[in-house]
N, C-alpha and C. Protein backbone atom coordinates (compact mmCIF):
# COMPACT_ATOMS: atom_id res chain seq x y z
N UNK A 1 43.20 155.98 45.35
CA UNK A 1 42.37 156.37 46.46
C UNK A 1 43.22 157.17 47.44
N UNK A 2 42.73 158.33 47.80
CA UNK A 2 43.44 159.17 48.77
C UNK A 2 43.01 158.77 50.17
N UNK A 3 44.00 158.50 51.01
CA UNK A 3 43.71 158.05 52.35
C UNK A 3 44.65 158.72 53.35
N UNK A 4 44.25 158.69 54.59
CA UNK A 4 45.08 159.30 55.64
C UNK A 4 45.28 158.30 56.77
N UNK A 5 46.36 158.50 57.50
CA UNK A 5 46.68 157.66 58.65
C UNK A 5 47.40 158.55 59.65
N UNK A 6 46.96 158.58 60.88
CA UNK A 6 47.54 159.45 61.90
C UNK A 6 47.88 158.63 63.14
N UNK A 7 49.07 158.83 63.67
CA UNK A 7 49.51 158.17 64.90
C UNK A 7 49.81 159.26 65.93
N UNK A 8 49.32 159.10 67.15
CA UNK A 8 49.62 160.06 68.21
C UNK A 8 49.71 159.35 69.55
N UNK A 9 50.50 159.93 70.44
CA UNK A 9 50.66 159.40 71.80
C UNK A 9 49.93 160.33 72.78
N UNK A 10 49.19 159.72 73.71
CA UNK A 10 48.47 160.49 74.71
C UNK A 10 48.61 159.80 76.06
N UNK A 11 48.89 160.56 77.12
CA UNK A 11 48.95 159.94 78.46
C UNK A 11 47.55 159.56 78.92
N UNK A 12 47.46 158.48 79.69
CA UNK A 12 46.17 158.11 80.26
C UNK A 12 46.15 158.46 81.76
N UNK A 13 45.04 158.23 82.40
CA UNK A 13 44.88 158.62 83.81
C UNK A 13 45.59 157.70 84.79
N UNK A 14 46.08 156.56 84.33
CA UNK A 14 46.68 155.57 85.21
C UNK A 14 48.19 155.49 85.08
N UNK A 15 48.82 156.47 84.45
CA UNK A 15 50.27 156.50 84.33
C UNK A 15 50.82 155.84 83.10
N UNK A 16 49.98 155.28 82.27
CA UNK A 16 50.42 154.66 81.03
C UNK A 16 50.34 155.63 79.87
N UNK A 17 50.58 155.11 78.70
CA UNK A 17 50.54 155.92 77.48
C UNK A 17 49.70 155.18 76.45
N UNK A 18 48.81 155.91 75.77
CA UNK A 18 47.98 155.33 74.72
C UNK A 18 48.50 155.75 73.36
N UNK A 19 48.58 154.78 72.46
CA UNK A 19 48.90 155.06 71.07
C UNK A 19 47.57 155.09 70.32
N UNK A 20 47.23 156.26 69.79
CA UNK A 20 45.96 156.45 69.10
C UNK A 20 46.23 156.38 67.60
N UNK A 21 45.55 155.43 66.93
CA UNK A 21 45.69 155.25 65.47
C UNK A 21 44.37 155.65 64.82
N UNK A 22 44.42 156.58 63.86
CA UNK A 22 43.24 157.02 63.14
C UNK A 22 43.52 156.90 61.64
N UNK A 23 42.55 156.34 60.89
CA UNK A 23 42.74 156.16 59.46
C UNK A 23 41.42 156.25 58.72
N UNK A 24 41.52 156.45 57.42
CA UNK A 24 40.33 156.49 56.58
C UNK A 24 40.59 157.20 55.27
N UNK A 25 39.57 157.23 54.44
CA UNK A 25 39.67 157.95 53.17
C UNK A 25 39.51 159.43 53.43
N UNK A 26 40.24 160.24 52.71
CA UNK A 26 40.16 161.68 52.88
C UNK A 26 38.77 162.15 52.45
N UNK A 27 38.13 162.93 53.30
CA UNK A 27 36.80 163.44 53.02
C UNK A 27 35.68 162.57 53.56
N UNK A 28 36.02 161.43 54.15
CA UNK A 28 35.02 160.51 54.72
C UNK A 28 35.28 160.32 56.21
N UNK A 29 34.28 159.79 56.86
CA UNK A 29 34.43 159.49 58.28
C UNK A 29 35.41 158.34 58.45
N UNK A 30 36.36 158.48 59.34
CA UNK A 30 37.39 157.46 59.52
C UNK A 30 37.13 156.56 60.70
N UNK A 31 38.13 155.75 61.00
CA UNK A 31 38.08 154.82 62.13
C UNK A 31 39.25 155.12 63.05
N UNK A 32 39.17 154.61 64.28
CA UNK A 32 40.27 154.81 65.22
C UNK A 32 40.43 153.57 66.09
N UNK A 33 41.63 153.44 66.63
CA UNK A 33 41.96 152.32 67.50
C UNK A 33 42.92 152.85 68.56
N UNK A 34 42.71 152.47 69.80
CA UNK A 34 43.59 152.90 70.90
C UNK A 34 44.32 151.68 71.43
N UNK A 35 45.65 151.76 71.44
CA UNK A 35 46.49 150.71 72.01
C UNK A 35 47.03 151.22 73.34
N UNK A 36 46.81 150.49 74.40
CA UNK A 36 47.28 150.90 75.72
C UNK A 36 48.65 150.28 76.00
N UNK A 37 49.58 151.12 76.46
CA UNK A 37 50.93 150.67 76.80
C UNK A 37 51.26 151.10 78.22
N UNK A 38 52.06 150.29 78.91
CA UNK A 38 52.37 150.58 80.31
C UNK A 38 53.41 151.68 80.47
N UNK A 39 54.26 151.88 79.46
CA UNK A 39 55.28 152.93 79.56
C UNK A 39 55.49 153.60 78.20
N UNK A 40 56.09 154.76 78.26
CA UNK A 40 56.27 155.56 77.05
C UNK A 40 57.22 154.90 76.05
N UNK A 41 58.23 154.20 76.53
CA UNK A 41 59.20 153.60 75.61
C UNK A 41 58.55 152.53 74.72
N UNK A 42 57.65 151.73 75.30
CA UNK A 42 56.96 150.70 74.50
C UNK A 42 56.01 151.35 73.50
N UNK A 43 55.35 152.42 73.91
CA UNK A 43 54.43 153.12 73.02
C UNK A 43 55.18 153.76 71.85
N UNK A 44 56.32 154.36 72.13
CA UNK A 44 57.12 154.99 71.08
C UNK A 44 57.65 153.93 70.12
N UNK A 45 58.11 152.80 70.64
CA UNK A 45 58.61 151.72 69.79
C UNK A 45 57.50 151.20 68.87
N UNK A 46 56.30 151.04 69.41
CA UNK A 46 55.17 150.59 68.61
C UNK A 46 54.81 151.62 67.54
N UNK A 47 54.84 152.90 67.91
CA UNK A 47 54.52 153.96 66.95
C UNK A 47 55.54 154.00 65.81
N UNK A 48 56.81 153.87 66.14
CA UNK A 48 57.85 153.88 65.11
C UNK A 48 57.72 152.69 64.16
N UNK A 49 57.44 151.51 64.71
CA UNK A 49 57.27 150.32 63.88
C UNK A 49 56.08 150.46 62.95
N UNK A 50 54.96 151.00 63.46
CA UNK A 50 53.79 151.21 62.61
C UNK A 50 54.06 152.26 61.54
N UNK A 51 54.79 153.31 61.91
CA UNK A 51 55.13 154.35 60.95
C UNK A 51 55.96 153.81 59.79
N UNK A 52 56.92 152.97 60.10
CA UNK A 52 57.76 152.37 59.06
C UNK A 52 56.92 151.47 58.16
N UNK A 53 56.03 150.66 58.77
CA UNK A 53 55.19 149.75 57.98
C UNK A 53 54.26 150.53 57.06
N UNK A 54 53.69 151.63 57.55
CA UNK A 54 52.77 152.42 56.72
C UNK A 54 53.51 153.13 55.60
N UNK A 55 54.72 153.63 55.86
CA UNK A 55 55.50 154.28 54.79
C UNK A 55 55.87 153.27 53.72
N UNK A 56 56.12 152.03 54.10
CA UNK A 56 56.43 150.98 53.12
C UNK A 56 55.22 150.65 52.25
N UNK A 57 54.01 150.91 52.77
CA UNK A 57 52.79 150.66 52.00
C UNK A 57 52.37 151.84 51.13
N UNK A 58 53.13 152.93 51.18
CA UNK A 58 52.83 154.07 50.30
C UNK A 58 52.40 155.33 51.00
N UNK A 59 52.18 155.30 52.30
CA UNK A 59 51.83 156.52 53.01
C UNK A 59 53.09 157.38 53.11
N UNK A 60 52.91 158.67 53.17
CA UNK A 60 54.06 159.55 53.36
C UNK A 60 53.80 160.48 54.53
N UNK A 61 54.83 160.90 55.20
CA UNK A 61 54.61 161.74 56.38
C UNK A 61 54.48 163.20 55.97
N UNK A 62 53.58 163.88 56.63
CA UNK A 62 53.32 165.30 56.39
C UNK A 62 53.55 166.02 57.69
N UNK A 63 54.31 167.09 57.66
CA UNK A 63 54.60 167.81 58.89
C UNK A 63 54.17 169.24 58.80
C-alpha cells in the first residue's frame, strides 16, 4: 500500500509553534492532526522524534 506522511512546523497567533501531521494513502483523502507547542525547540524535538519513528516503519523522506 502506497502511503504518505508529512510533518511541518507553523507559527500560531499566540507565539507558539504548531506541528502539523498529515497522512493517508496516496490518491485518497488523508487525515491531519495539529500538535500545539509553546516553543520552537519542543516542536522541533517532537518533529524529529516522529520522523525517526516513521522512517523505522518504512517511510522514506523525499526532498
